Structure formats: C-alpha cells, structure tokens
Amino acid sequence: MTKYILTKHAQEEMAIRGIPESILDVVMQTPGEVVPEKEELVAYQSVISFPEGPMLLRAIVADQDLPMRIITVYRTSKIEKYWRGS
C-alpha cells in the first residue's frame, strides 16, 4: 500500500473539487502514469470516469519525502495536455 499524507491545501482542494479520497487512493496505488513535474515533484495521474465524462485526475506529490506528501489534487478534461503515453 502506498503511504502518503495530504497537505491541508490538498484536503481543501479535494473538498472544493468534489474528489473523493477513495478515488485518490486508487490513483496513488495504481497510477496510469507517474510523470516528473517541476522542483522535484511528480504527478501521479490516471484517467477516471466522472459523471461529466472521462477526466484526468492528477495528484502532485513530493515523493522524496517519507511518507510522500500530496501537495494538491485536481481533475482536468485536458487529458492530451498532460498524458505522456508512457
């Protein structure tokens, strides 16, 4: 099981954006991709079906920390912009 902690910002953004922690857990345990971001951060991301259609769920993570710290979480319809296809 992937161990992580949610920052206060990540918790607030999940509440605002209506992202259940159960969906975040799935992405963190079995991400579709893990891609580098800036400043030693990585994005754990997967395409998830939401009522409004498929969306890319992205968790921006400081994975060098133990446990990993999730900085923010969001979903976007701009899958092509972020998906690297690896």
PDB file of N, CA and C in Angstrom:
ATOM      1  N   MET A   1       0.839  -1.190   0.000  1.00  0.00           N
ATOM      2  CA  MET A   1       0.000   0.000   0.000  1.00  0.00           C
ATOM      3  C   MET A   1       0.880   1.248   0.000  1.00  0.00           C
ATOM      4  N   THR A   2       0.532   2.202  -0.819  1.00  0.00           N
ATOM      5  CA  THR A   2       1.273   3.448  -0.917  1.00  0.00           C
ATOM      6  C   THR A   2       0.948   4.332   0.281  1.00  0.00           C
ATOM      7  N   LYS A   3       1.985   4.710   1.016  1.00  0.00           N
ATOM      8  CA  LYS A   3       1.797   5.579   2.180  1.00  0.00           C
ATOM      9  C   LYS A   3       1.980   7.028   1.755  1.00  0.00           C
ATOM     10  N   TYR A   4       1.057   7.866   2.156  1.00  0.00           N
ATOM     11  CA  TYR A   4       1.150   9.289   1.839  1.00  0.00           C
ATOM     12  C   TYR A   4       0.367  10.090   2.862  1.00  0.00           C
ATOM     13  N   ILE A   5       0.678  11.380   2.902  1.00  0.00           N
ATOM     14  CA  ILE A   5      -0.105  12.303   3.718  1.00  0.00           C
ATOM     15  C   ILE A   5      -0.624  13.412   2.806  1.00  0.00           C
ATOM     16  N   LEU A   6      -1.784  13.904   3.129  1.00  0.00           N
ATOM     17  CA  LEU A   6      -2.389  15.010   2.388  1.00  0.00           C
ATOM     18  C   LEU A   6      -2.070  16.320   3.097  1.00  0.00           C
ATOM     19  N   THR A   7      -1.559  17.289   2.352  1.00  0.00           N
ATOM     20  CA  THR A   7      -1.388  18.612   2.941  1.00  0.00           C
ATOM     21  C   THR A   7      -2.772  19.226   3.156  1.00  0.00           C
ATOM     22  N   LYS A   8      -2.802  20.245   3.988  1.00  0.00           N
ATOM     23  CA  LYS A   8      -4.070  20.948   4.218  1.00  0.00           C
ATOM     24  C   LYS A   8      -4.612  21.491   2.898  1.00  0.00           C
ATOM     25  N   HIS A   9      -3.730  22.021   2.063  1.00  0.00           N
ATOM     26  CA  HIS A   9      -4.143  22.543   0.758  1.00  0.00           C
ATOM     27  C   HIS A   9      -4.788  21.442  -0.078  1.00  0.00           C
ATOM     28  N   ALA A  10      -4.173  20.261  -0.126  1.00  0.00           N
ATOM     29  CA  ALA A  10      -4.730  19.150  -0.912  1.00  0.00           C
ATOM     30  C   ALA A  10      -6.109  18.760  -0.385  1.00  0.00           C
ATOM     31  N   GLN A  11      -6.263  18.700   0.936  1.00  0.00           N
ATOM     32  CA  GLN A  11      -7.562  18.362   1.521  1.00  0.00           C
ATOM     33  C   GLN A  11      -8.620  19.392   1.132  1.00  0.00           C
ATOM     34  N   GLU A  12      -8.254  20.661   1.205  1.00  0.00           N
ATOM     35  CA  GLU A  12      -9.200  21.726   0.848  1.00  0.00           C
ATOM     36  C   GLU A  12      -9.585  21.651  -0.625  1.00  0.00           C
ATOM     37  N   GLU A  13      -8.604  21.435  -1.497  1.00  0.00           N
ATOM     38  CA  GLU A  13      -8.882  21.369  -2.932  1.00  0.00           C
ATOM     39  C   GLU A  13      -9.746  20.158  -3.283  1.00  0.00           C
ATOM     40  N   MET A  14      -9.514  19.036  -2.634  1.00  0.00           N
ATOM     41  CA  MET A  14     -10.347  17.854  -2.877  1.00  0.00           C
ATOM     42  C   MET A  14     -11.792  18.139  -2.483  1.00  0.00           C
ATOM     43  N   ALA A  15     -11.991  18.821  -1.367  1.00  0.00           N
ATOM     44  CA  ALA A  15     -13.350  19.154  -0.922  1.00  0.00           C
ATOM     45  C   ALA A  15     -14.015  20.116  -1.906  1.00  0.00           C
ATOM     46  N   ILE A  16     -13.295  21.146  -2.317  1.00  0.00           N
ATOM     47  CA  ILE A  16     -13.842  22.131  -3.262  1.00  0.00           C
ATOM     48  C   ILE A  16     -14.188  21.475  -4.589  1.00  0.00           C
ATOM     49  N   ARG A  17     -13.320  20.584  -5.051  1.00  0.00           N
ATOM     50  CA  ARG A  17     -13.464  19.977  -6.377  1.00  0.00           C
ATOM     51  C   ARG A  17     -14.285  18.691  -6.375  1.00  0.00           C
ATOM     52  N   GLY A  18     -14.734  18.268  -5.208  1.00  0.00           N
ATOM     53  CA  GLY A  18     -15.571  17.074  -5.124  1.00  0.00           C
ATOM     54  C   GLY A  18     -14.848  15.793  -5.506  1.00  0.00           C
ATOM     55  N   ILE A  19     -13.592  15.673  -5.086  1.00  0.00           N
ATOM     56  CA  ILE A  19     -12.798  14.479  -5.389  1.00  0.00           C
ATOM     57  C   ILE A  19     -12.747  13.610  -4.136  1.00  0.00           C
ATOM     58  N   PRO A  20     -13.363  12.424  -4.177  1.00  0.00           N
ATOM     59  CA  PRO A  20     -13.345  11.545  -3.004  1.00  0.00           C
ATOM     60  C   PRO A  20     -11.948  10.967  -2.760  1.00  0.00           C
ATOM     61  N   GLU A  21     -11.602  10.800  -1.493  1.00  0.00           N
ATOM     62  CA  GLU A  21     -10.298  10.222  -1.164  1.00  0.00           C
ATOM     63  C   GLU A  21     -10.173   8.796  -1.687  1.00  0.00           C
ATOM     64  N   SER A  22     -11.288   8.089  -1.825  1.00  0.00           N
ATOM     65  CA  SER A  22     -11.236   6.713  -2.343  1.00  0.00           C
ATOM     66  C   SER A  22     -10.705   6.682  -3.777  1.00  0.00           C
ATOM     67  N   ILE A  23     -11.060   7.686  -4.586  1.00  0.00           N
ATOM     68  CA  ILE A  23     -10.543   7.750  -5.961  1.00  0.00           C
ATOM     69  C   ILE A  23      -9.063   8.118  -5.939  1.00  0.00           C
ATOM     70  N   LEU A  24      -8.680   9.043  -5.070  1.00  0.00           N
ATOM     71  CA  LEU A  24      -7.266   9.386  -4.937  1.00  0.00           C
ATOM     72  C   LEU A  24      -6.456   8.158  -4.544  1.00  0.00           C
ATOM     73  N   ASP A  25      -6.977   7.350  -3.618  1.00  0.00           N
ATOM     74  CA  ASP A  25      -6.281   6.128  -3.200  1.00  0.00           C
ATOM     75  C   ASP A  25      -5.988   5.220  -4.384  1.00  0.00           C
ATOM     76  N   VAL A  26      -6.965   5.053  -5.269  1.00  0.00           N
ATOM     77  CA  VAL A  26      -6.781   4.198  -6.451  1.00  0.00           C
ATOM     78  C   VAL A  26      -5.658   4.747  -7.325  1.00  0.00           C
ATOM     79  N   VAL A  27      -5.667   6.050  -7.561  1.00  0.00           N
ATOM     80  CA  VAL A  27      -4.632   6.666  -8.402  1.00  0.00           C
ATOM     81  C   VAL A  27      -3.256   6.534  -7.749  1.00  0.00           C
ATOM     82  N   MET A  28      -3.189   6.709  -6.451  1.00  0.00           N
ATOM     83  CA  MET A  28      -1.897   6.610  -5.766  1.00  0.00           C
ATOM     84  C   MET A  28      -1.369   5.174  -5.741  1.00  0.00           C
ATOM     85  N   GLN A  29      -2.266   4.190  -5.642  1.00  0.00           N
ATOM     86  CA  GLN A  29      -1.829   2.794  -5.586  1.00  0.00           C
ATOM     87  C   GLN A  29      -1.524   2.224  -6.961  1.00  0.00           C
ATOM     88  N   THR A  30      -2.304   2.627  -7.979  1.00  0.00           N
ATOM     89  CA  THR A  30      -2.110   2.097  -9.331  1.00  0.00           C
ATOM     90  C   THR A  30      -2.243   3.225 -10.353  1.00  0.00           C
ATOM     91  N   PRO A  31      -1.272   4.139 -10.380  1.00  0.00           N
ATOM     92  CA  PRO A  31      -1.376   5.263 -11.308  1.00  0.00           C
ATOM     93  C   PRO A  31      -1.241   4.812 -12.757  1.00  0.00           C
ATOM     94  N   GLY A  32      -1.963   5.497 -13.640  1.00  0.00           N
ATOM     95  CA  GLY A  32      -1.783   5.245 -15.064  1.00  0.00           C
ATOM     96  C   GLY A  32      -0.400   5.680 -15.511  1.00  0.00           C
ATOM     97  N   GLU A  33       0.071   6.767 -14.925  1.00  0.00           N
ATOM     98  CA  GLU A  33       1.405   7.301 -15.200  1.00  0.00           C
ATOM     99  C   GLU A  33       1.926   8.026 -13.966  1.00  0.00           C
ATOM    100  N   VAL A  34       3.240   8.069 -13.863  1.00  0.00           N
ATOM    101  CA  VAL A  34       3.915   8.937 -12.904  1.00  0.00           C
ATOM    102  C   VAL A  34       4.885   9.765 -13.738  1.00  0.00           C
ATOM    103  N   VAL A  35       4.650  11.073 -13.786  1.00  0.00           N
ATOM    104  CA  VAL A  35       5.448  11.938 -14.655  1.00  0.00           C
ATOM    105  C   VAL A  35       6.119  13.039 -13.840  1.00  0.00           C
ATOM    106  N   PRO A  36       7.336  13.425 -14.238  1.00  0.00           N
ATOM    107  CA  PRO A  36       8.032  14.482 -13.498  1.00  0.00           C
ATOM    108  C   PRO A  36       7.350  15.830 -13.669  1.00  0.00           C
ATOM    109  N   GLU A  37       7.378  16.591 -12.608  1.00  0.00           N
ATOM    110  CA  GLU A  37       6.907  17.973 -12.610  1.00  0.00           C
ATOM    111  C   GLU A  37       8.088  18.836 -12.179  1.00  0.00           C
ATOM    112  N   LYS A  38       7.854  20.113 -11.921  1.00  0.00           N
ATOM    113  CA  LYS A  38       8.958  20.987 -11.541  1.00  0.00           C
ATOM    114  C   LYS A  38       9.326  20.843 -10.067  1.00  0.00           C
ATOM    115  N   GLU A  39      10.569  21.215  -9.773  1.00  0.00           N
ATOM    116  CA  GLU A  39      11.080  21.265  -8.401  1.00  0.00           C
ATOM    117  C   GLU A  39      10.948  19.942  -7.659  1.00  0.00           C
ATOM    118  N   GLU A  40      11.394  18.874  -8.282  1.00  0.00           N
ATOM    119  CA  GLU A  40      11.434  17.548  -7.657  1.00  0.00           C
ATOM    120  C   GLU A  40      10.065  17.004  -7.268  1.00  0.00           C
ATOM    121  N   LEU A  41       9.024  17.504  -7.891  1.00  0.00           N
ATOM    122  CA  LEU A  41       7.687  16.963  -7.682  1.00  0.00           C
ATOM    123  C   LEU A  41       7.352  16.033  -8.835  1.00  0.00           C
ATOM    124  N   VAL A  42       6.422  15.119  -8.591  1.00  0.00           N
ATOM    125  CA  VAL A  42       5.920  14.239  -9.641  1.00  0.00           C
ATOM    126  C   VAL A  42       4.398  14.274  -9.622  1.00  0.00           C
ATOM    127  N   ALA A  43       3.813  13.918 -10.756  1.00  0.00           N
ATOM    128  CA  ALA A  43       2.356  13.825 -10.847  1.00  0.00           C
ATOM    129  C   ALA A  43       1.978  12.362 -10.989  1.00  0.00           C
ATOM    130  N   TYR A  44       1.188  11.872 -10.059  1.00  0.00           N
ATOM    131  CA  TYR A  44       0.550  10.562 -10.184  1.00  0.00           C
ATOM    132  C   TYR A  44      -0.768  10.856 -10.879  1.00  0.00           C
ATOM    133  N   GLN A  45      -1.023  10.198 -12.011  1.00  0.00           N
ATOM    134  CA  GLN A  45      -2.224  10.541 -12.763  1.00  0.00           C
ATOM    135  C   GLN A  45      -2.843   9.322 -13.424  1.00  0.00           C
ATOM    136  N   SER A  46      -4.171   9.379 -13.546  1.00  0.00           N
ATOM    137  CA  SER A  46      -4.952   8.330 -14.203  1.00  0.00           C
ATOM    138  C   SER A  46      -6.198   8.957 -14.804  1.00  0.00           C
ATOM    139  N   VAL A  47      -6.672   8.355 -15.884  1.00  0.00           N
ATOM    140  CA  VAL A  47      -7.941   8.767 -16.478  1.00  0.00           C
ATOM    141  C   VAL A  47      -9.050   8.064 -15.699  1.00  0.00           C
ATOM    142  N   ILE A  48      -9.984   8.855 -15.183  1.00  0.00           N
ATOM    143  CA  ILE A  48     -11.071   8.358 -14.338  1.00  0.00           C
ATOM    144  C   ILE A  48     -12.403   8.771 -14.966  1.00  0.00           C
ATOM    145  N   SER A  49     -13.397   7.890 -14.894  1.00  0.00           N
ATOM    146  CA  SER A  49     -14.745   8.229 -15.374  1.00  0.00           C
ATOM    147  C   SER A  49     -15.495   8.987 -14.286  1.00  0.00           C
ATOM    148  N   PHE A  50     -15.895  10.205 -14.609  1.00  0.00           N
ATOM    149  CA  PHE A  50     -16.726  11.022 -13.744  1.00  0.00           C
ATOM    150  C   PHE A  50     -18.074  11.189 -14.434  1.00  0.00           C
ATOM    151  N   PRO A  51     -19.120  11.622 -13.719  1.00  0.00           N
ATOM    152  CA  PRO A  51     -20.438  11.797 -14.351  1.00  0.00           C
ATOM    153  C   PRO A  51     -20.396  12.685 -15.600  1.00  0.00           C
ATOM    154  N   GLU A  52     -19.508  13.676 -15.605  1.00  0.00           N
ATOM    155  CA  GLU A  52     -19.413  14.563 -16.769  1.00  0.00           C
ATOM    156  C   GLU A  52     -18.497  14.031 -17.867  1.00  0.00           C
ATOM    157  N   GLY A  53     -17.975  12.823 -17.676  1.00  0.00           N
ATOM    158  CA  GLY A  53     -17.140  12.196 -18.700  1.00  0.00           C
ATOM    159  C   GLY A  53     -15.755  11.868 -18.174  1.00  0.00           C
ATOM    160  N   PRO A  54     -14.891  11.327 -19.041  1.00  0.00           N
ATOM    161  CA  PRO A  54     -13.540  10.975 -18.597  1.00  0.00           C
ATOM    162  C   PRO A  54     -12.731  12.229 -18.261  1.00  0.00           C
ATOM    163  N   MET A  55     -12.023  12.154 -17.151  1.00  0.00           N
ATOM    164  CA  MET A  55     -11.186  13.262 -16.692  1.00  0.00           C
ATOM    165  C   MET A  55      -9.853  12.679 -16.233  1.00  0.00           C
ATOM    166  N   LEU A  56      -8.823  13.488 -16.332  1.00  0.00           N
ATOM    167  CA  LEU A  56      -7.524  13.100 -15.809  1.00  0.00           C
ATOM    168  C   LEU A  56      -7.436  13.589 -14.373  1.00  0.00           C
ATOM    169  N   LEU A  57      -7.245  12.657 -13.446  1.00  0.00           N
ATOM    170  CA  LEU A  57      -7.043  13.023 -12.045  1.00  0.00           C
ATOM    171  C   LEU A  57      -5.543  13.086 -11.816  1.00  0.00           C
ATOM    172  N   ARG A  58      -5.071  14.230 -11.330  1.00  0.00           N
ATOM    173  CA  ARG A  58      -3.644  14.447 -11.103  1.00  0.00           C
ATOM    174  C   ARG A  58      -3.407  14.753  -9.631  1.00  0.00           C
ATOM    175  N   ALA A  59      -2.471  14.036  -9.041  1.00  0.00           N
ATOM    176  CA  ALA A  59      -2.015  14.313  -7.681  1.00  0.00           C
ATOM    177  C   ALA A  59      -0.563  14.757  -7.789  1.00  0.00           C
ATOM    178  N   ILE A  60      -0.277  15.976  -7.366  1.00  0.00           N
ATOM    179  CA  ILE A  60       1.086  16.496  -7.400  1.00  0.00           C
ATOM    180  C   ILE A  60       1.727  16.144  -6.060  1.00  0.00           C
ATOM    181  N   VAL A  61       2.825  15.388  -6.149  1.00  0.00           N
ATOM    182  CA  VAL A  61       3.365  14.697  -4.982  1.00  0.00           C
ATOM    183  C   VAL A  61       4.849  15.012  -4.777  1.00  0.00           C
ATOM    184  N   ALA A  62       5.228  15.220  -3.524  1.00  0.00           N
ATOM    185  CA  ALA A  62       6.638  15.269  -3.127  1.00  0.00           C
ATOM    186  C   ALA A  62       6.995  13.845  -2.720  1.00  0.00           C
ATOM    187  N   ASP A  63       7.451  13.049  -3.694  1.00  0.00           N
ATOM    188  CA  ASP A  63       7.669  11.625  -3.416  1.00  0.00           C
ATOM    189  C   ASP A  63       9.040  11.335  -2.823  1.00  0.00           C
ATOM    190  N   GLN A  64       9.876  12.359  -2.657  1.00  0.00           N
ATOM    191  CA  GLN A  64      11.169  12.178  -1.998  1.00  0.00           C
ATOM    192  C   GLN A  64      10.983  12.151  -0.478  1.00  0.00           C
ATOM    193  N   ASP A  65       9.865  12.684  -0.010  1.00  0.00           N
ATOM    194  CA  ASP A  65       9.560  12.685   1.424  1.00  0.00           C
ATOM    195  C   ASP A  65       8.982  11.332   1.819  1.00  0.00           C
ATOM    196  N   LEU A  66       9.238  10.935   3.051  1.00  0.00           N
ATOM    197  CA  LEU A  66       8.634   9.706   3.577  1.00  0.00           C
ATOM    198  C   LEU A  66       7.883  10.057   4.847  1.00  0.00           C
ATOM    199  N   PRO A  67       6.589   9.846   4.907  1.00  0.00           N
ATOM    200  CA  PRO A  67       5.753   9.398   3.792  1.00  0.00           C
ATOM    201  C   PRO A  67       5.625  10.491   2.729  1.00  0.00           C
ATOM    202  N   MET A  68       5.230  10.068   1.523  1.00  0.00           N
ATOM    203  CA  MET A  68       5.049  11.023   0.437  1.00  0.00           C
ATOM    204  C   MET A  68       4.007  12.062   0.847  1.00  0.00           C
ATOM    205  N   ARG A  69       4.212  13.311   0.387  1.00  0.00           N
ATOM    206  CA  ARG A  69       3.264  14.394   0.677  1.00  0.00           C
ATOM    207  C   ARG A  69       2.537  14.769  -0.602  1.00  0.00           C
ATOM    208  N   ILE A  70       1.224  14.735  -0.561  1.00  0.00           N
ATOM    209  CA  ILE A  70       0.425  15.180  -1.701  1.00  0.00           C
ATOM    210  C   ILE A  70       0.187  16.673  -1.529  1.00  0.00           C
ATOM    211  N   ILE A  71       0.706  17.439  -2.488  1.00  0.00           N
ATOM    212  CA  ILE A  71       0.657  18.894  -2.420  1.00  0.00           C
ATOM    213  C   ILE A  71      -0.707  19.416  -2.861  1.00  0.00           C
ATOM    214  N   THR A  72      -1.212  18.896  -3.983  1.00  0.00           N
ATOM    215  CA  THR A  72      -2.530  19.285  -4.478  1.00  0.00           C
ATOM    216  C   THR A  72      -3.101  18.160  -5.328  1.00  0.00           C
ATOM    217  N   VAL A  73      -4.402  18.202  -5.527  1.00  0.00           N
ATOM    218  CA  VAL A  73      -5.114  17.206  -6.332  1.00  0.00           C
ATOM    219  C   VAL A  73      -6.138  17.957  -7.170  1.00  0.00           C
ATOM    220  N   TYR A  74      -6.202  17.601  -8.454  1.00  0.00           N
ATOM    221  CA  TYR A  74      -7.224  18.209  -9.306  1.00  0.00           C
ATOM    222  C   TYR A  74      -7.564  17.281 -10.454  1.00  0.00           C
ATOM    223  N   ARG A  75      -8.671  17.576 -11.101  1.00  0.00           N
ATOM    224  CA  ARG A  75      -9.061  16.830 -12.291  1.00  0.00           C
ATOM    225  C   ARG A  75      -9.182  17.813 -13.440  1.00  0.00           C
ATOM    226  N   THR A  76      -8.900  17.304 -14.639  1.00  0.00           N
ATOM    227  CA  THR A  76      -8.952  18.150 -15.825  1.00  0.00           C
ATOM    228  C   THR A  76      -9.464  17.348 -17.011  1.00  0.00           C
ATOM    229  N   SER A  77     -10.165  18.036 -17.890  1.00  0.00           N
ATOM    230  CA  SER A  77     -10.619  17.396 -19.126  1.00  0.00           C
ATOM    231  C   SER A  77      -9.525  17.443 -20.195  1.00  0.00           C
ATOM    232  N   LYS A  78      -8.451  18.166 -19.936  1.00  0.00           N
ATOM    233  CA  LYS A  78      -7.353  18.330 -20.900  1.00  0.00           C
ATOM    234  C   LYS A  78      -6.368  17.163 -20.797  1.00  0.00           C
ATOM    235  N   ILE A  79      -6.880  15.970 -21.058  1.00  0.00           N
ATOM    236  CA  ILE A  79      -6.082  14.754 -20.925  1.00  0.00           C
ATOM    237  C   ILE A  79      -4.857  14.814 -21.830  1.00  0.00           C
ATOM    238  N   GLU A  80      -5.040  15.234 -23.081  1.00  0.00           N
ATOM    239  CA  GLU A  80      -3.950  15.250 -24.056  1.00  0.00           C
ATOM    240  C   GLU A  80      -2.808  16.166 -23.621  1.00  0.00           C
ATOM    241  N   LYS A  81      -3.122  17.211 -22.882  1.00  0.00           N
ATOM    242  CA  LYS A  81      -2.105  18.171 -22.447  1.00  0.00           C
ATOM    243  C   LYS A  81      -1.110  17.537 -21.476  1.00  0.00           C
ATOM    244  N   TYR A  82      -1.597  16.651 -20.604  1.00  0.00           N
ATOM    245  CA  TYR A  82      -0.764  16.114 -19.534  1.00  0.00           C
ATOM    246  C   TYR A  82      -0.344  14.663 -19.728  1.00  0.00           C
ATOM    247  N   TRP A  83      -1.091  13.907 -20.516  1.00  0.00           N
ATOM    248  CA  TRP A  83      -0.820  12.471 -20.662  1.00  0.00           C
ATOM    249  C   TRP A  83       0.398  12.282 -21.550  1.00  0.00           C
ATOM    250  N   ARG A  84       1.387  11.559 -21.057  1.00  0.00           N
ATOM    251  CA  ARG A  84       2.627  11.366 -21.801  1.00  0.00           C
ATOM    252  C   ARG A  84       2.622  10.088 -22.622  1.00  0.00           C
ATOM    253  N   GLY A  85       1.696   9.179 -22.304  1.00  0.00           N
ATOM    254  CA  GLY A  85       1.586   7.947 -23.079  1.00  0.00           C
ATOM    255  C   GLY A  85       2.699   6.959 -22.841  1.00  0.00           C
ATOM    256  N   SER A  86       3.263   6.974 -21.637  1.00  0.00           N
ATOM    257  CA  SER A  86       4.353   6.040 -21.346  1.00  0.00           C
ATOM    258  C   SER A  86       3.837   4.716 -20.842  1.00  0.00           C
TER     259      SER A  86
END
